[in-house]
Amino acid sequence: QVRVVESGGGLVQPGGSLRLSCAASGNILSLNDMAWYRQAPGKQRELVATITKGGTTNYADSVKGRFTISRDNAKKTVYLQMNSLKPEDTAVHYCNARIVTFGSARLEVWGQGTLVTVSS
């Protein structure tokens, strides 16, 4: 079984910072593209940032210059450093990973989400 687990959410004041982590575990042969999504109350889930296995990154316009996605392939972990947080960043943040198992199955796996609340 393969899963990803997020951590690091919480309450932060506007202008503050948080670092999210997402660790993958299980029957993993290859951990390919990874991404962070978020879903604010009453809104659709949106893509925040992506990172390939080789480290190429892409960001939503709303977070460019404030958020940084990175990964540690040895630890099978992806991070999202969030700086200059705004109230509109308040959302449940989800980790997404594309995985190849030892049985050659190609899976897209979602975490359970971690809540980020930006409020004074």
C-alpha atoms as a PDB file:
ATOM      1  CA  GLN A   1       0.000   0.000   0.000  1.00  0.00           C
ATOM      2  CA  VAL A   2       1.170   3.496  -0.835  1.00  0.00           C
ATOM      3  CA  ARG A   3       0.255   6.673   0.985  1.00  0.00           C
ATOM      4  CA  VAL A   4       1.325  10.286   1.457  1.00  0.00           C
ATOM      5  CA  VAL A   5       0.913  12.146   4.726  1.00  0.00           C
ATOM      6  CA  GLU A   6       1.004  15.934   5.105  1.00  0.00           C
ATOM      7  CA  SER A   7       2.072  17.879   8.169  1.00  0.00           C
ATOM      8  CA  GLY A   8       2.915  21.425   9.177  1.00  0.00           C
ATOM      9  CA  GLY A   9      -0.386  23.256   8.868  1.00  0.00           C
ATOM     10  CA  GLY A  10      -1.695  25.620  11.496  1.00  0.00           C
ATOM     11  CA  LEU A  11      -2.699  29.150  12.369  1.00  0.00           C
ATOM     12  CA  VAL A  12      -0.429  32.010  11.334  1.00  0.00           C
ATOM     13  CA  GLN A  13      -0.774  35.778  11.214  1.00  0.00           C
ATOM     14  CA  PRO A  14      -0.778  37.662   7.907  1.00  0.00           C
ATOM     15  CA  GLY A  15       2.787  38.145   6.726  1.00  0.00           C
ATOM     16  CA  GLY A  16       3.954  35.051   8.547  1.00  0.00           C
ATOM     17  CA  SER A  17       5.459  31.801   7.294  1.00  0.00           C
ATOM     18  CA  LEU A  18       4.721  28.088   7.437  1.00  0.00           C
ATOM     19  CA  ARG A  19       6.452  25.034   6.050  1.00  0.00           C
ATOM     20  CA  LEU A  20       4.382  22.061   4.942  1.00  0.00           C
ATOM     21  CA  SER A  21       5.823  18.588   4.545  1.00  0.00           C
ATOM     22  CA  CYS A  22       4.500  15.531   2.726  1.00  0.00           C
ATOM     23  CA  ALA A  23       6.105  12.138   3.197  1.00  0.00           C
ATOM     24  CA  ALA A  24       5.425   9.195   0.909  1.00  0.00           C
ATOM     25  CA  SER A  25       5.680   5.620   2.116  1.00  0.00           C
ATOM     26  CA  GLY A  26       4.909   2.089   1.049  1.00  0.00           C
ATOM     27  CA  ASN A  27       5.577  -0.003  -2.027  1.00  0.00           C
ATOM     28  CA  ILE A  28       7.358   2.711  -4.030  1.00  0.00           C
ATOM     29  CA  LEU A  29       9.726   2.000  -6.899  1.00  0.00           C
ATOM     30  CA  SER A  30       9.744   5.529  -8.262  1.00  0.00           C
ATOM     31  CA  LEU A  31       8.353   8.791  -6.879  1.00  0.00           C
ATOM     32  CA  ASN A  32       7.731  11.016  -9.891  1.00  0.00           C
ATOM     33  CA  ASP A  33       5.949  14.367 -10.111  1.00  0.00           C
ATOM     34  CA  MET A  34       4.707  15.765  -6.809  1.00  0.00           C
ATOM     35  CA  ALA A  35       2.436  18.708  -6.201  1.00  0.00           C
ATOM     36  CA  TRP A  36       0.572  20.787  -3.658  1.00  0.00           C
ATOM     37  CA  TYR A  37      -3.063  21.713  -4.143  1.00  0.00           C
ATOM     38  CA  ARG A  38      -5.375  23.692  -1.915  1.00  0.00           C
ATOM     39  CA  GLN A  39      -9.094  24.089  -1.410  1.00  0.00           C
ATOM     40  CA  ALA A  40     -10.560  27.116   0.304  1.00  0.00           C
ATOM     41  CA  PRO A  41     -14.056  27.026   1.849  1.00  0.00           C
ATOM     42  CA  GLY A  42     -16.688  27.135  -0.854  1.00  0.00           C
ATOM     43  CA  LYS A  43     -14.137  26.982  -3.675  1.00  0.00           C
ATOM     44  CA  GLN A  44     -12.773  24.343  -6.010  1.00  0.00           C
ATOM     45  CA  ARG A  45      -9.452  22.657  -5.403  1.00  0.00           C
ATOM     46  CA  GLU A  46      -6.639  24.510  -7.173  1.00  0.00           C
ATOM     47  CA  LEU A  47      -3.066  23.720  -8.076  1.00  0.00           C
ATOM     48  CA  VAL A  48      -0.490  25.602  -6.001  1.00  0.00           C
ATOM     49  CA  ALA A  49       2.877  24.215  -7.119  1.00  0.00           C
ATOM     50  CA  THR A  50       4.454  21.230  -8.825  1.00  0.00           C
ATOM     51  CA  ILE A  51       7.922  19.691  -8.853  1.00  0.00           C
ATOM     52  CA  THR A  52       9.288  16.979 -11.112  1.00  0.00           C
ATOM     53  CA  LYS A  53      11.598  14.202 -10.019  1.00  0.00           C
ATOM     54  CA  GLY A  54      14.474  16.221 -11.451  1.00  0.00           C
ATOM     55  CA  GLY A  55      13.490  19.330  -9.533  1.00  0.00           C
ATOM     56  CA  THR A  56      11.752  21.462 -12.166  1.00  0.00           C
ATOM     57  CA  THR A  57       9.133  23.625 -10.476  1.00  0.00           C
ATOM     58  CA  ASN A  58       5.978  25.449 -11.490  1.00  0.00           C
ATOM     59  CA  TYR A  59       3.738  27.772  -9.471  1.00  0.00           C
ATOM     60  CA  ALA A  60       0.290  29.284  -9.579  1.00  0.00           C
ATOM     61  CA  ASP A  61       0.453  33.013 -10.280  1.00  0.00           C
ATOM     62  CA  SER A  62      -1.135  33.733  -6.898  1.00  0.00           C
ATOM     63  CA  VAL A  63       1.832  32.270  -4.987  1.00  0.00           C
ATOM     64  CA  LYS A  64       4.795  33.090  -7.225  1.00  0.00           C
ATOM     65  CA  GLY A  65       7.542  34.834  -5.292  1.00  0.00           C
ATOM     66  CA  ARG A  66       6.040  33.819  -1.938  1.00  0.00           C
ATOM     67  CA  PHE A  67       5.964  30.002  -1.960  1.00  0.00           C
ATOM     68  CA  THR A  68       8.774  27.552  -2.710  1.00  0.00           C
ATOM     69  CA  ILE A  69       8.303  23.861  -3.443  1.00  0.00           C
ATOM     70  CA  SER A  70      11.211  21.486  -2.925  1.00  0.00           C
ATOM     71  CA  ARG A  71      11.813  17.777  -2.441  1.00  0.00           C
ATOM     72  CA  ASP A  72      14.207  15.333  -0.854  1.00  0.00           C
ATOM     73  CA  ASN A  73      14.141  12.195  -2.999  1.00  0.00           C
ATOM     74  CA  ALA A  74      16.089  10.148  -0.451  1.00  0.00           C
ATOM     75  CA  LYS A  75      13.442  10.901   2.179  1.00  0.00           C
ATOM     76  CA  LYS A  76      10.570  10.620  -0.320  1.00  0.00           C
ATOM     77  CA  THR A  77       9.357  13.977   0.955  1.00  0.00           C
ATOM     78  CA  VAL A  78       8.118  17.171  -0.677  1.00  0.00           C
ATOM     79  CA  TYR A  79       7.994  20.532   1.079  1.00  0.00           C
ATOM     80  CA  LEU A  80       6.111  23.782   0.592  1.00  0.00           C
ATOM     81  CA  GLN A  81       7.706  26.842   2.166  1.00  0.00           C
ATOM     82  CA  MET A  82       5.053  29.546   2.407  1.00  0.00           C
ATOM     83  CA  ASN A  83       6.153  33.114   3.150  1.00  0.00           C
ATOM     84  CA  SER A  84       4.300  36.421   3.249  1.00  0.00           C
ATOM     85  CA  LEU A  85       1.072  34.576   3.902  1.00  0.00           C
ATOM     86  CA  LYS A  86      -2.221  36.318   3.204  1.00  0.00           C
ATOM     87  CA  PRO A  87      -5.739  35.644   4.524  1.00  0.00           C
ATOM     88  CA  GLU A  88      -6.680  34.389   1.050  1.00  0.00           C
ATOM     89  CA  ASP A  89      -4.119  31.582   1.445  1.00  0.00           C
ATOM     90  CA  THR A  90      -6.420  30.039   4.059  1.00  0.00           C
ATOM     91  CA  ALA A  91      -7.303  26.560   2.785  1.00  0.00           C
ATOM     92  CA  VAL A  92      -6.850  22.852   3.262  1.00  0.00           C
ATOM     93  CA  HIS A  93      -3.595  22.015   1.502  1.00  0.00           C
ATOM     94  CA  TYR A  94      -3.273  18.609  -0.160  1.00  0.00           C
ATOM     95  CA  CYS A  95      -0.224  16.697  -1.314  1.00  0.00           C
ATOM     96  CA  ASN A  96      -0.385  14.809  -4.616  1.00  0.00           C
ATOM     97  CA  ALA A  97       2.155  12.272  -5.813  1.00  0.00           C
ATOM     98  CA  ARG A  98       2.552  10.199  -8.952  1.00  0.00           C
ATOM     99  CA  ILE A  99       4.112   6.873  -8.030  1.00  0.00           C
ATOM    100  CA  VAL A 100       5.290   3.712  -9.727  1.00  0.00           C
ATOM    101  CA  THR A 101       5.137   0.659  -7.483  1.00  0.00           C
ATOM    102  CA  PHE A 102       7.413  -2.360  -7.455  1.00  0.00           C
ATOM    103  CA  GLY A 103       4.579  -4.157  -9.210  1.00  0.00           C
ATOM    104  CA  SER A 104       4.797  -1.561 -12.031  1.00  0.00           C
ATOM    105  CA  ALA A 105       1.445  -0.004 -11.149  1.00  0.00           C
ATOM    106  CA  ARG A 106       1.191   3.718 -11.843  1.00  0.00           C
ATOM    107  CA  LEU A 107      -0.734   5.482  -9.111  1.00  0.00           C
ATOM    108  CA  GLU A 108      -1.854   9.008  -8.316  1.00  0.00           C
ATOM    109  CA  VAL A 109      -2.025   9.340  -4.546  1.00  0.00           C
ATOM    110  CA  TRP A 110      -3.590  12.100  -2.436  1.00  0.00           C
ATOM    111  CA  GLY A 111      -2.981  12.965   1.187  1.00  0.00           C
ATOM    112  CA  GLN A 112      -5.682  13.710   3.720  1.00  0.00           C
ATOM    113  CA  GLY A 113      -4.918  17.427   3.747  1.00  0.00           C
ATOM    114  CA  THR A 114      -3.584  19.876   6.301  1.00  0.00           C
ATOM    115  CA  LEU A 115      -5.357  23.100   7.217  1.00  0.00           C
ATOM    116  CA  VAL A 116      -3.580  26.435   6.879  1.00  0.00           C
ATOM    117  CA  THR A 117      -5.362  29.392   8.468  1.00  0.00           C
ATOM    118  CA  VAL A 118      -4.036  32.910   7.990  1.00  0.00           C
ATOM    119  CA  SER A 119      -5.704  35.298  10.396  1.00  0.00           C
ATOM    120  CA  SER A 120      -4.918  37.980  12.918  1.00  0.00           C
END
